[in-house]
Amino acid sequence: MMRPFDDATRRNIADACAAFARLPDAAEPSTLKRAAVVLALTASGDGDDTAFLLTLRASHLRAHRGQWALPGGRCDAGETPVEAGLRELDEELALKLTTNDVLGLLDDYPTRSGYLVTPVVVWAADGATIRPNPDEVASVHRIGLATIERDDAFDFVAIPESARRVVRFHHQGSLIHAPTAALIYQFREVLAGRPTRVTELEQPVFAWK
């Protein structure tokens, strides 16, 4: 289903996020480091669909080099996930948004590499300038929402190292894995009004470090 990049779609996605009941924060302090990623919604660029921004990480980065990722990173001291997500979006893509552009949050996702990641859904107004920072981003891609709503967009596979299934997102011949794939999958489910949880979806072994 195509979702035009317009005010009606913005309202519909904001309503879907508002209707989604996030898992509550754990009562005890977590040993995981806090981080945030952003599902930044914008025009698809080659049609009428709304899209989100996906980056390919620079090949010279110390961690997870050359991997697909949503814009984001670790929270600084005293910084909320929303503040961190907006800051990282600016640092990586020169996309300057405010809390007024935030549509909602998805479930926190614990990663094998020691982070608790909060996904922040934001709306980037039509005409917003995107300039990838070459120190962090090799390329940036617009993924239409119709793409993630296909029946064959995701699959779930078993691995011998874990009892949990690995989730994968198929896109243009590439396999995008969790945590990125898990967060995109939950966003797809939220758009459909399904309260699907993804914290138990596994990451491939190469992402455990």
N, C-alpha and C. Protein backbone atom coordinates (compact mmCIF):
# COMPACT_ATOMS: atom_id res chain seq x y z
N MET A 1 0.85 -1.20 0.00
CA MET A 1 0.00 0.00 0.00
C MET A 1 0.88 1.25 0.00
N MET A 2 0.64 2.12 -0.95
CA MET A 2 1.40 3.37 -1.01
C MET A 2 0.90 4.34 0.05
N ARG A 3 1.82 5.04 0.67
CA ARG A 3 1.48 6.04 1.68
C ARG A 3 2.07 7.38 1.23
N PRO A 4 1.26 8.24 0.63
CA PRO A 4 1.78 9.52 0.14
C PRO A 4 2.45 10.32 1.26
N PHE A 5 3.50 11.03 0.91
CA PHE A 5 4.19 11.85 1.91
C PHE A 5 3.41 13.16 2.07
N ASP A 6 2.40 13.12 2.94
CA ASP A 6 1.54 14.29 3.12
C ASP A 6 1.05 14.34 4.57
N ASP A 7 0.29 15.36 4.87
CA ASP A 7 -0.16 15.57 6.25
C ASP A 7 -1.04 14.43 6.75
N ALA A 8 -1.85 13.85 5.85
CA ALA A 8 -2.72 12.74 6.25
C ALA A 8 -1.88 11.53 6.68
N THR A 9 -0.83 11.24 5.94
CA THR A 9 0.04 10.13 6.32
C THR A 9 0.75 10.42 7.63
N ARG A 10 1.19 11.66 7.79
CA ARG A 10 1.83 12.03 9.06
C ARG A 10 0.89 11.78 10.23
N ARG A 11 -0.34 12.19 10.11
CA ARG A 11 -1.32 11.99 11.18
C ARG A 11 -1.57 10.50 11.42
N ASN A 12 -1.69 9.73 10.34
CA ASN A 12 -1.96 8.31 10.48
C ASN A 12 -0.82 7.60 11.21
N ILE A 13 0.42 7.95 10.87
CA ILE A 13 1.57 7.30 11.52
C ILE A 13 1.69 7.77 12.96
N ALA A 14 1.44 9.05 13.21
CA ALA A 14 1.46 9.54 14.59
C ALA A 14 0.40 8.83 15.42
N ASP A 15 -0.78 8.62 14.86
CA ASP A 15 -1.85 7.92 15.57
C ASP A 15 -1.46 6.47 15.85
N ALA A 16 -0.82 5.81 14.87
CA ALA A 16 -0.39 4.43 15.07
C ALA A 16 0.66 4.33 16.17
N CYS A 17 1.58 5.28 16.21
CA CYS A 17 2.60 5.30 17.26
C CYS A 17 1.96 5.56 18.62
N ALA A 18 0.98 6.47 18.67
CA ALA A 18 0.31 6.78 19.93
C ALA A 18 -0.48 5.59 20.45
N ALA A 19 -1.02 4.79 19.55
CA ALA A 19 -1.80 3.62 19.96
C ALA A 19 -0.93 2.45 20.39
N PHE A 20 0.36 2.52 20.09
CA PHE A 20 1.28 1.43 20.43
C PHE A 20 1.74 1.59 21.88
N ALA A 21 1.51 0.57 22.68
CA ALA A 21 1.92 0.58 24.09
C ALA A 21 3.32 -0.02 24.21
N ARG A 22 4.30 0.84 24.44
CA ARG A 22 5.68 0.37 24.59
C ARG A 22 5.82 -0.51 25.82
N LEU A 23 6.77 -1.43 25.75
CA LEU A 23 7.11 -2.21 26.93
C LEU A 23 7.65 -1.26 28.01
N PRO A 24 7.27 -1.43 29.26
CA PRO A 24 7.77 -0.53 30.31
C PRO A 24 9.26 -0.72 30.56
N ASP A 25 9.91 0.35 31.01
CA ASP A 25 11.32 0.25 31.38
C ASP A 25 11.47 -0.70 32.56
N ALA A 26 12.58 -1.42 32.59
CA ALA A 26 12.86 -2.32 33.70
C ALA A 26 13.02 -1.52 34.98
N ALA A 27 12.55 -2.09 36.09
CA ALA A 27 12.63 -1.39 37.38
C ALA A 27 14.06 -1.29 37.86
N GLU A 28 14.88 -2.33 37.59
CA GLU A 28 16.26 -2.32 38.08
C GLU A 28 17.17 -1.64 37.07
N PRO A 29 18.28 -1.05 37.53
CA PRO A 29 19.22 -0.42 36.61
C PRO A 29 19.79 -1.44 35.62
N SER A 30 19.95 -1.04 34.39
CA SER A 30 20.47 -1.94 33.36
C SER A 30 21.98 -1.76 33.21
N THR A 31 22.67 -2.86 32.92
CA THR A 31 24.10 -2.78 32.63
C THR A 31 24.34 -2.37 31.18
N LEU A 32 23.27 -2.33 30.39
CA LEU A 32 23.41 -1.94 28.99
C LEU A 32 23.55 -0.43 28.85
N LYS A 33 24.33 -0.01 27.89
CA LYS A 33 24.50 1.41 27.61
C LYS A 33 23.31 1.89 26.77
N ARG A 34 22.82 3.09 27.06
CA ARG A 34 21.66 3.61 26.34
C ARG A 34 22.08 4.17 24.99
N ALA A 35 21.23 3.92 24.00
CA ALA A 35 21.47 4.43 22.65
C ALA A 35 20.12 4.70 21.99
N ALA A 36 20.15 5.39 20.88
CA ALA A 36 18.92 5.70 20.15
C ALA A 36 19.20 5.61 18.66
N VAL A 37 18.19 5.18 17.92
CA VAL A 37 18.23 5.24 16.46
C VAL A 37 16.97 5.94 15.98
N VAL A 38 17.00 6.42 14.76
CA VAL A 38 15.89 7.22 14.24
C VAL A 38 15.33 6.59 12.97
N LEU A 39 14.02 6.40 12.96
CA LEU A 39 13.28 6.09 11.74
C LEU A 39 12.79 7.43 11.22
N ALA A 40 13.57 8.02 10.32
CA ALA A 40 13.28 9.35 9.79
C ALA A 40 12.46 9.22 8.52
N LEU A 41 11.23 9.71 8.55
CA LEU A 41 10.31 9.57 7.42
C LEU A 41 10.40 10.78 6.51
N THR A 42 10.47 10.50 5.23
CA THR A 42 10.63 11.54 4.23
C THR A 42 10.00 11.07 2.93
N ALA A 43 10.08 11.89 1.90
CA ALA A 43 9.56 11.48 0.59
C ALA A 43 10.49 10.45 -0.03
N SER A 44 9.91 9.50 -0.78
CA SER A 44 10.71 8.42 -1.35
C SER A 44 11.69 8.90 -2.41
N GLY A 45 11.38 9.99 -3.08
CA GLY A 45 12.30 10.53 -4.07
C GLY A 45 12.04 10.04 -5.48
N ASP A 46 11.45 8.85 -5.63
CA ASP A 46 11.18 8.33 -6.98
C ASP A 46 9.72 7.93 -7.15
N GLY A 47 8.86 8.50 -6.33
CA GLY A 47 7.44 8.18 -6.42
C GLY A 47 6.68 8.94 -5.35
N ASP A 48 5.47 8.50 -5.08
CA ASP A 48 4.63 9.21 -4.14
C ASP A 48 4.68 8.62 -2.74
N ASP A 49 5.47 7.57 -2.53
CA ASP A 49 5.45 6.87 -1.25
C ASP A 49 6.24 7.62 -0.19
N THR A 50 5.84 7.44 1.06
CA THR A 50 6.65 7.87 2.19
C THR A 50 7.76 6.84 2.40
N ALA A 51 8.94 7.30 2.78
CA ALA A 51 10.09 6.42 2.95
C ALA A 51 10.77 6.72 4.28
N PHE A 52 11.61 5.79 4.73
CA PHE A 52 12.49 6.08 5.86
C PHE A 52 13.93 6.02 5.38
N LEU A 53 14.82 6.66 6.13
CA LEU A 53 16.21 6.76 5.73
C LEU A 53 17.03 5.63 6.36
N LEU A 54 17.79 4.96 5.51
CA LEU A 54 18.67 3.89 5.94
C LEU A 54 20.08 4.22 5.45
N THR A 55 21.06 4.03 6.31
CA THR A 55 22.43 4.37 5.93
C THR A 55 23.29 3.12 5.81
N LEU A 56 24.34 3.25 5.03
CA LEU A 56 25.41 2.26 4.98
C LEU A 56 26.59 2.89 5.71
N ARG A 57 27.02 2.25 6.78
CA ARG A 57 28.07 2.81 7.62
C ARG A 57 29.40 2.85 6.87
N ALA A 58 30.20 3.87 7.17
CA ALA A 58 31.48 4.04 6.50
C ALA A 58 32.39 2.84 6.76
N SER A 59 33.24 2.51 5.80
CA SER A 59 34.08 1.31 5.88
C SER A 59 35.24 1.46 6.86
N HIS A 60 35.55 2.70 7.27
CA HIS A 60 36.69 2.89 8.17
C HIS A 60 36.29 2.99 9.65
N LEU A 61 34.99 2.85 9.95
CA LEU A 61 34.56 2.95 11.34
C LEU A 61 35.10 1.77 12.16
N ARG A 62 35.27 1.99 13.45
CA ARG A 62 35.83 0.97 14.33
C ARG A 62 34.86 -0.18 14.56
N ALA A 63 33.57 0.14 14.70
CA ALA A 63 32.56 -0.88 15.00
C ALA A 63 31.52 -0.94 13.89
N HIS A 64 31.14 -2.16 13.52
CA HIS A 64 30.07 -2.41 12.55
C HIS A 64 30.28 -1.66 11.24
N ARG A 65 31.52 -1.62 10.80
CA ARG A 65 31.84 -0.92 9.55
C ARG A 65 31.17 -1.59 8.36
N GLY A 66 30.71 -0.76 7.42
CA GLY A 66 30.13 -1.29 6.20
C GLY A 66 28.78 -1.96 6.36
N GLN A 67 28.14 -1.80 7.51
CA GLN A 67 26.84 -2.43 7.74
C GLN A 67 25.70 -1.44 7.53
N TRP A 68 24.51 -1.98 7.22
CA TRP A 68 23.31 -1.17 7.13
C TRP A 68 22.88 -0.75 8.53
N ALA A 69 22.41 0.47 8.65
CA ALA A 69 21.99 0.96 9.98
C ALA A 69 21.03 2.13 9.83
N LEU A 70 20.18 2.27 10.83
CA LEU A 70 19.40 3.50 10.98
C LEU A 70 20.30 4.55 11.60
N PRO A 71 20.11 5.83 11.29
CA PRO A 71 20.91 6.88 11.94
C PRO A 71 20.76 6.78 13.45
N GLY A 72 21.86 6.96 14.16
CA GLY A 72 21.76 6.90 15.62
C GLY A 72 23.09 6.62 16.26
N GLY A 73 23.05 6.47 17.60
CA GLY A 73 24.27 6.23 18.35
C GLY A 73 24.01 6.27 19.84
N ARG A 74 25.10 6.27 20.58
CA ARG A 74 25.04 6.22 22.04
C ARG A 74 24.54 7.53 22.63
N CYS A 75 23.76 7.43 23.69
CA CYS A 75 23.31 8.63 24.40
C CYS A 75 24.46 9.22 25.21
N ASP A 76 24.64 10.52 25.14
CA ASP A 76 25.60 11.20 26.00
C ASP A 76 25.05 11.27 27.42
N ALA A 77 25.92 11.56 28.37
CA ALA A 77 25.51 11.66 29.77
C ALA A 77 24.40 12.70 29.93
N GLY A 78 23.32 12.32 30.59
CA GLY A 78 22.21 13.23 30.83
C GLY A 78 21.30 13.46 29.65
N GLU A 79 21.52 12.74 28.57
CA GLU A 79 20.76 12.95 27.33
C GLU A 79 19.65 11.90 27.23
N THR A 80 18.45 12.32 26.84
CA THR A 80 17.36 11.38 26.62
C THR A 80 17.54 10.71 25.26
N PRO A 81 16.88 9.55 25.04
CA PRO A 81 16.97 8.92 23.73
C PRO A 81 16.50 9.83 22.60
N VAL A 82 15.44 10.61 22.82
CA VAL A 82 14.97 11.52 21.79
C VAL A 82 16.04 12.56 21.47
N GLU A 83 16.64 13.15 22.50
CA GLU A 83 17.71 14.13 22.28
C GLU A 83 18.88 13.51 21.55
N ALA A 84 19.25 12.29 21.94
CA ALA A 84 20.37 11.62 21.30
C ALA A 84 20.05 11.31 19.83
N GLY A 85 18.85 10.82 19.58
CA GLY A 85 18.48 10.51 18.21
C GLY A 85 18.50 11.72 17.30
N LEU A 86 17.96 12.84 17.77
CA LEU A 86 17.95 14.06 16.97
C LEU A 86 19.38 14.57 16.75
N ARG A 87 20.21 14.48 17.78
CA ARG A 87 21.61 14.93 17.63
C ARG A 87 22.34 14.06 16.60
N GLU A 88 22.17 12.74 16.72
CA GLU A 88 22.85 11.84 15.79
C GLU A 88 22.36 12.04 14.36
N LEU A 89 21.08 12.31 14.19
CA LEU A 89 20.53 12.56 12.86
C LEU A 89 21.19 13.78 12.23
N ASP A 90 21.43 14.79 13.04
CA ASP A 90 22.11 15.99 12.57
C ASP A 90 23.58 15.69 12.25
N GLU A 91 24.24 14.95 13.14
CA GLU A 91 25.66 14.67 12.94
C GLU A 91 25.91 13.78 11.73
N GLU A 92 25.02 12.81 11.49
CA GLU A 92 25.25 11.86 10.41
C GLU A 92 24.74 12.36 9.06
N LEU A 93 23.59 13.05 9.07
CA LEU A 93 22.94 13.42 7.81
C LEU A 93 22.68 14.91 7.67
N ALA A 94 23.12 15.72 8.64
CA ALA A 94 22.88 17.16 8.63
C ALA A 94 21.39 17.47 8.55
N LEU A 95 20.58 16.58 9.11
CA LEU A 95 19.13 16.75 9.11
C LEU A 95 18.74 17.28 10.48
N LYS A 96 18.33 18.54 10.52
CA LYS A 96 18.05 19.22 11.78
C LYS A 96 16.55 19.21 12.07
N LEU A 97 16.15 18.38 13.03
CA LEU A 97 14.76 18.29 13.42
C LEU A 97 14.63 18.60 14.91
N THR A 98 13.40 18.79 15.37
CA THR A 98 13.14 19.12 16.76
C THR A 98 12.16 18.11 17.35
N THR A 99 11.89 18.27 18.64
CA THR A 99 10.94 17.37 19.30
C THR A 99 9.54 17.50 18.69
N ASN A 100 9.25 18.61 18.03
CA ASN A 100 7.95 18.76 17.37
C ASN A 100 7.80 17.80 16.19
N ASP A 101 8.92 17.28 15.70
CA ASP A 101 8.89 16.37 14.56
C ASP A 101 8.82 14.90 14.99
N VAL A 102 8.86 14.64 16.29
CA VAL A 102 8.84 13.26 16.80
C VAL A 102 7.41 12.74 16.80
N LEU A 103 7.20 11.58 16.17
CA LEU A 103 5.87 10.98 16.10
C LEU A 103 5.65 9.93 17.18
N GLY A 104 6.72 9.35 17.70
CA GLY A 104 6.57 8.34 18.74
C GLY A 104 7.82 7.51 18.92
N LEU A 105 7.76 6.58 19.88
CA LEU A 105 8.87 5.68 20.19
C LEU A 105 8.40 4.24 20.07
N LEU A 106 9.31 3.36 19.69
CA LEU A 106 9.04 1.93 19.68
C LEU A 106 9.69 1.29 20.91
N ASP A 107 9.60 -0.04 21.01
CA ASP A 107 10.19 -0.73 22.16
C ASP A 107 11.71 -0.59 22.17
N ASP A 108 12.27 -0.49 23.38
CA ASP A 108 13.72 -0.57 23.52
C ASP A 108 14.18 -1.97 23.10
N TYR A 109 15.32 -2.03 22.40
CA TYR A 109 15.84 -3.30 21.91
C TYR A 109 17.23 -3.53 22.50
N PRO A 110 17.42 -4.63 23.26
CA PRO A 110 18.74 -4.92 23.83
C PRO A 110 19.62 -5.63 22.79
N THR A 111 20.80 -5.09 22.55
CA THR A 111 21.68 -5.68 21.55
C THR A 111 22.72 -6.58 22.20
N ARG A 112 23.24 -7.50 21.42
CA ARG A 112 24.30 -8.40 21.87
C ARG A 112 25.60 -7.65 22.16
N SER A 113 25.75 -6.48 21.57
CA SER A 113 26.98 -5.70 21.76
C SER A 113 26.92 -4.80 22.98
N GLY A 114 25.83 -4.88 23.77
CA GLY A 114 25.80 -4.18 25.06
C GLY A 114 25.03 -2.88 25.11
N TYR A 115 24.11 -2.68 24.17
CA TYR A 115 23.34 -1.44 24.15
C TYR A 115 21.84 -1.72 24.31
N LEU A 116 21.15 -0.75 24.88
CA LEU A 116 19.69 -0.75 24.91
C LEU A 116 19.25 0.38 24.00
N VAL A 117 18.70 0.01 22.85
CA VAL A 117 18.44 0.97 21.77
C VAL A 117 16.97 1.38 21.76
N THR A 118 16.74 2.68 21.80
CA THR A 118 15.39 3.23 21.69
C THR A 118 15.15 3.74 20.27
N PRO A 119 14.18 3.19 19.53
CA PRO A 119 13.88 3.70 18.20
C PRO A 119 12.93 4.91 18.29
N VAL A 120 13.30 6.00 17.63
CA VAL A 120 12.54 7.24 17.64
C VAL A 120 12.01 7.47 16.22
N VAL A 121 10.70 7.61 16.08
CA VAL A 121 10.08 7.84 14.78
C VAL A 121 9.90 9.35 14.60
N VAL A 122 10.43 9.90 13.51
CA VAL A 122 10.34 11.34 13.27
C VAL A 122 9.86 11.60 11.84
N TRP A 123 9.35 12.79 11.65
CA TRP A 123 8.84 13.23 10.34
C TRP A 123 9.72 14.38 9.86
N ALA A 124 10.38 14.19 8.71
CA ALA A 124 11.22 15.22 8.12
C ALA A 124 10.42 15.94 7.04
N ALA A 125 10.17 17.21 7.23
CA ALA A 125 9.32 17.96 6.31
C ALA A 125 9.83 17.88 4.88
N ASP A 126 8.90 17.98 3.95
CA ASP A 126 9.24 17.94 2.53
C ASP A 126 10.25 19.03 2.21
N GLY A 127 11.30 18.66 1.49
CA GLY A 127 12.34 19.62 1.14
C GLY A 127 13.49 19.69 2.12
N ALA A 128 13.45 18.89 3.20
CA ALA A 128 14.54 18.88 4.17
C ALA A 128 15.83 18.42 3.49
N THR A 129 16.91 19.11 3.79
CA THR A 129 18.20 18.81 3.18
C THR A 129 18.89 17.68 3.91
N ILE A 130 19.41 16.72 3.14
CA ILE A 130 20.14 15.59 3.71
C ILE A 130 21.54 15.58 3.12
N ARG A 131 22.56 15.69 3.98
CA ARG A 131 23.95 15.66 3.55
C ARG A 131 24.71 14.65 4.40
N PRO A 132 24.98 13.46 3.87
CA PRO A 132 25.69 12.44 4.65
C PRO A 132 27.07 12.89 5.08
N ASN A 133 27.41 12.62 6.32
CA ASN A 133 28.73 12.92 6.87
C ASN A 133 29.68 11.79 6.47
N PRO A 134 30.68 12.03 5.62
CA PRO A 134 31.55 10.94 5.14
C PRO A 134 32.37 10.29 6.25
N ASP A 135 32.51 10.95 7.38
CA ASP A 135 33.23 10.34 8.50
C ASP A 135 32.45 9.18 9.10
N GLU A 136 31.12 9.16 8.88
CA GLU A 136 30.29 8.13 9.48
C GLU A 136 29.45 7.34 8.48
N VAL A 137 29.10 7.97 7.37
CA VAL A 137 28.11 7.39 6.45
C VAL A 137 28.70 7.26 5.05
N ALA A 138 28.64 6.04 4.50
CA ALA A 138 29.10 5.84 3.13
C ALA A 138 28.03 6.25 2.13
N SER A 139 26.76 5.96 2.46
CA SER A 139 25.66 6.33 1.58
C SER A 139 24.37 6.31 2.37
N VAL A 140 23.36 7.01 1.85
CA VAL A 140 22.05 7.05 2.50
C VAL A 140 20.99 6.66 1.47
N HIS A 141 20.00 5.89 1.93
CA HIS A 141 19.01 5.32 1.03
C HIS A 141 17.61 5.58 1.57
N ARG A 142 16.66 5.80 0.66
CA ARG A 142 15.26 6.00 1.02
C ARG A 142 14.50 4.71 0.74
N ILE A 143 13.94 4.12 1.79
CA ILE A 143 13.24 2.85 1.68
C ILE A 143 11.74 3.12 1.80
N GLY A 144 11.00 2.96 0.72
CA GLY A 144 9.57 3.21 0.74
C GLY A 144 8.85 2.28 1.71
N LEU A 145 7.83 2.82 2.37
CA LEU A 145 7.09 2.01 3.34
C LEU A 145 6.40 0.82 2.67
N ALA A 146 6.03 0.97 1.41
CA ALA A 146 5.43 -0.15 0.69
C ALA A 146 6.41 -1.32 0.60
N THR A 147 7.70 -1.03 0.61
CA THR A 147 8.73 -2.08 0.55
C THR A 147 8.69 -2.97 1.77
N ILE A 148 8.58 -2.38 2.96
CA ILE A 148 8.61 -3.19 4.18
C ILE A 148 7.27 -3.85 4.47
N GLU A 149 6.24 -3.45 3.74
CA GLU A 149 4.92 -4.05 3.94
C GLU A 149 4.67 -5.24 3.02
N ARG A 150 5.64 -5.58 2.16
CA ARG A 150 5.51 -6.77 1.32
C ARG A 150 5.55 -8.03 2.19
N ASP A 151 4.85 -9.07 1.75
CA ASP A 151 4.84 -10.33 2.50
C ASP A 151 6.23 -10.97 2.56
N ASP A 152 7.05 -10.73 1.53
CA ASP A 152 8.37 -11.37 1.48
C ASP A 152 9.49 -10.45 1.93
N ALA A 153 9.16 -9.35 2.60
CA ALA A 153 10.19 -8.39 2.99
C ALA A 153 11.09 -8.93 4.11
N PHE A 154 10.54 -9.78 4.97
CA PHE A 154 11.28 -10.29 6.13
C PHE A 154 11.23 -11.81 6.15
N ASP A 155 12.30 -12.42 6.70
CA ASP A 155 12.22 -13.82 7.04
C ASP A 155 12.89 -14.06 8.38
N PHE A 156 12.73 -15.28 8.89
CA PHE A 156 13.21 -15.63 10.23
C PHE A 156 13.91 -16.97 10.11
N VAL A 157 15.18 -17.01 10.53
CA VAL A 157 15.97 -18.22 10.34
C VAL A 157 16.58 -18.66 11.67
N ALA A 158 16.82 -19.95 11.78
CA ALA A 158 17.45 -20.51 12.98
C ALA A 158 18.96 -20.52 12.80
N ILE A 159 19.67 -20.34 13.92
CA ILE A 159 21.13 -20.47 13.91
C ILE A 159 21.52 -21.39 15.06
N PRO A 160 22.62 -22.15 14.92
CA PRO A 160 23.00 -23.10 15.99
C PRO A 160 23.44 -22.42 17.28
N GLU A 161 23.84 -21.15 17.19
CA GLU A 161 24.37 -20.47 18.38
C GLU A 161 23.30 -19.94 19.32
N SER A 162 22.03 -19.98 18.93
CA SER A 162 20.98 -19.39 19.76
C SER A 162 19.67 -20.14 19.54
N ALA A 163 18.84 -20.14 20.60
CA ALA A 163 17.50 -20.72 20.49
C ALA A 163 16.52 -19.74 19.87
N ARG A 164 16.95 -18.50 19.70
CA ARG A 164 16.07 -17.47 19.15
C ARG A 164 16.27 -17.36 17.63
N ARG A 165 15.23 -16.95 16.93
CA ARG A 165 15.30 -16.80 15.48
C ARG A 165 15.94 -15.47 15.10
N VAL A 166 16.74 -15.51 14.06
CA VAL A 166 17.32 -14.30 13.48
C VAL A 166 16.34 -13.71 12.47
N VAL A 167 16.06 -12.41 12.60
CA VAL A 167 15.19 -11.74 11.65
C VAL A 167 16.05 -11.04 10.60
N ARG A 168 15.61 -11.14 9.33
CA ARG A 168 16.34 -10.52 8.23
C ARG A 168 15.37 -9.75 7.34
N PHE A 169 15.81 -8.58 6.87
CA PHE A 169 15.05 -7.75 5.95
C PHE A 169 15.70 -7.86 4.58
N HIS A 170 14.92 -8.28 3.59
CA HIS A 170 15.41 -8.41 2.22
C HIS A 170 15.18 -7.10 1.48
N HIS A 171 16.27 -6.54 0.96
CA HIS A 171 16.11 -5.29 0.20
C HIS A 171 17.13 -5.23 -0.93
N GLN A 172 16.62 -5.25 -2.16
CA GLN A 172 17.43 -5.08 -3.37
C GLN A 172 18.66 -5.98 -3.36
N GLY A 173 18.45 -7.25 -3.05
CA GLY A 173 19.53 -8.21 -3.09
C GLY A 173 20.39 -8.25 -1.85
N SER A 174 20.14 -7.37 -0.90
CA SER A 174 20.90 -7.35 0.34
C SER A 174 20.07 -7.93 1.49
N LEU A 175 20.78 -8.49 2.47
CA LEU A 175 20.15 -8.94 3.69
C LEU A 175 20.54 -7.98 4.80
N ILE A 176 19.54 -7.36 5.41
CA ILE A 176 19.77 -6.45 6.53
C ILE A 176 19.32 -7.18 7.79
N HIS A 177 20.21 -7.27 8.78
CA HIS A 177 19.97 -8.08 9.95
C HIS A 177 19.57 -7.24 11.16
N ALA A 178 19.17 -7.93 12.24
CA ALA A 178 18.93 -7.27 13.52
C ALA A 178 20.28 -6.78 14.07
N PRO A 179 20.27 -5.67 14.85
CA PRO A 179 19.08 -5.01 15.40
C PRO A 179 18.29 -4.17 14.39
N THR A 180 18.93 -3.71 13.32
CA THR A 180 18.23 -2.83 12.37
C THR A 180 16.97 -3.49 11.82
N ALA A 181 17.08 -4.74 11.41
CA ALA A 181 15.92 -5.43 10.83
C ALA A 181 14.80 -5.59 11.84
N ALA A 182 15.14 -5.85 13.10
CA ALA A 182 14.11 -6.01 14.13
C ALA A 182 13.33 -4.72 14.34
N LEU A 183 14.03 -3.60 14.35
CA LEU A 183 13.38 -2.32 14.58
C LEU A 183 12.49 -1.93 13.39
N ILE A 184 12.98 -2.19 12.19
CA ILE A 184 12.17 -1.91 11.00
C ILE A 184 10.93 -2.82 10.98
N TYR A 185 11.13 -4.07 11.37
CA TYR A 185 10.01 -5.01 11.41
C TYR A 185 8.94 -4.54 12.41
N GLN A 186 9.38 -4.11 13.60
CA GLN A 186 8.38 -3.64 14.55
C GLN A 186 7.66 -2.40 14.03
N PHE A 187 8.37 -1.51 13.36
CA PHE A 187 7.73 -0.33 12.79
C PHE A 187 6.67 -0.75 11.78
N ARG A 188 6.99 -1.75 10.94
CA ARG A 188 6.01 -2.28 9.98
C ARG A 188 4.76 -2.77 10.71
N GLU A 189 4.97 -3.48 11.83
CA GLU A 189 3.85 -4.02 12.58
C GLU A 189 3.03 -2.91 13.24
N VAL A 190 3.68 -1.88 13.75
CA VAL A 190 2.97 -0.74 14.34
C VAL A 190 2.11 -0.05 13.29
N LEU A 191 2.62 0.11 12.09
CA LEU A 191 1.84 0.72 11.01
C LEU A 191 0.58 -0.07 10.72
N ALA A 192 0.67 -1.40 10.91
CA ALA A 192 -0.48 -2.27 10.64
C ALA A 192 -1.39 -2.41 11.86
N GLY A 193 -1.04 -1.76 12.96
CA GLY A 193 -1.86 -1.83 14.16
C GLY A 193 -1.69 -3.11 14.95
N ARG A 194 -0.54 -3.80 14.76
CA ARG A 194 -0.28 -5.05 15.47
C ARG A 194 0.76 -4.82 16.57
N PRO A 195 0.46 -5.18 17.82
CA PRO A 195 1.39 -4.95 18.93
C PRO A 195 2.47 -6.02 19.01
N THR A 196 3.24 -6.17 17.95
CA THR A 196 4.26 -7.22 17.86
C THR A 196 5.51 -6.82 18.62
N ARG A 197 6.03 -7.73 19.44
CA ARG A 197 7.27 -7.50 20.18
C ARG A 197 8.46 -8.11 19.43
N VAL A 198 9.62 -7.48 19.54
CA VAL A 198 10.77 -7.95 18.78
C VAL A 198 12.02 -8.13 19.63
N THR A 199 11.91 -7.91 20.94
CA THR A 199 13.12 -7.96 21.78
C THR A 199 13.76 -9.35 21.79
N GLU A 200 12.98 -10.40 21.47
CA GLU A 200 13.53 -11.75 21.46
C GLU A 200 14.03 -12.18 20.09
N LEU A 201 13.91 -11.32 19.09
CA LEU A 201 14.44 -11.66 17.78
C LEU A 201 15.96 -11.51 17.81
N GLU A 202 16.64 -12.52 17.31
CA GLU A 202 18.08 -12.64 17.45
C GLU A 202 18.84 -11.84 16.38
N GLN A 203 20.09 -11.57 16.70
CA GLN A 203 21.02 -10.95 15.77
C GLN A 203 21.97 -12.01 15.25
N PRO A 204 22.53 -11.83 14.05
CA PRO A 204 23.53 -12.80 13.56
C PRO A 204 24.79 -12.72 14.42
N VAL A 205 25.56 -13.78 14.41
CA VAL A 205 26.72 -13.87 15.30
C VAL A 205 27.72 -12.75 15.03
N PHE A 206 27.87 -12.31 13.78
CA PHE A 206 28.85 -11.27 13.49
C PHE A 206 28.50 -9.94 14.15
N ALA A 207 27.24 -9.77 14.59
CA ALA A 207 26.81 -8.52 15.23
C ALA A 207 26.86 -8.61 16.75
N TRP A 208 27.39 -9.72 17.29
CA TRP A 208 27.40 -9.88 18.73
C TRP A 208 28.50 -9.10 19.42
N LYS A 209 29.44 -8.54 18.66
CA LYS A 209 30.58 -7.84 19.27
C LYS A 209 30.37 -6.33 19.21
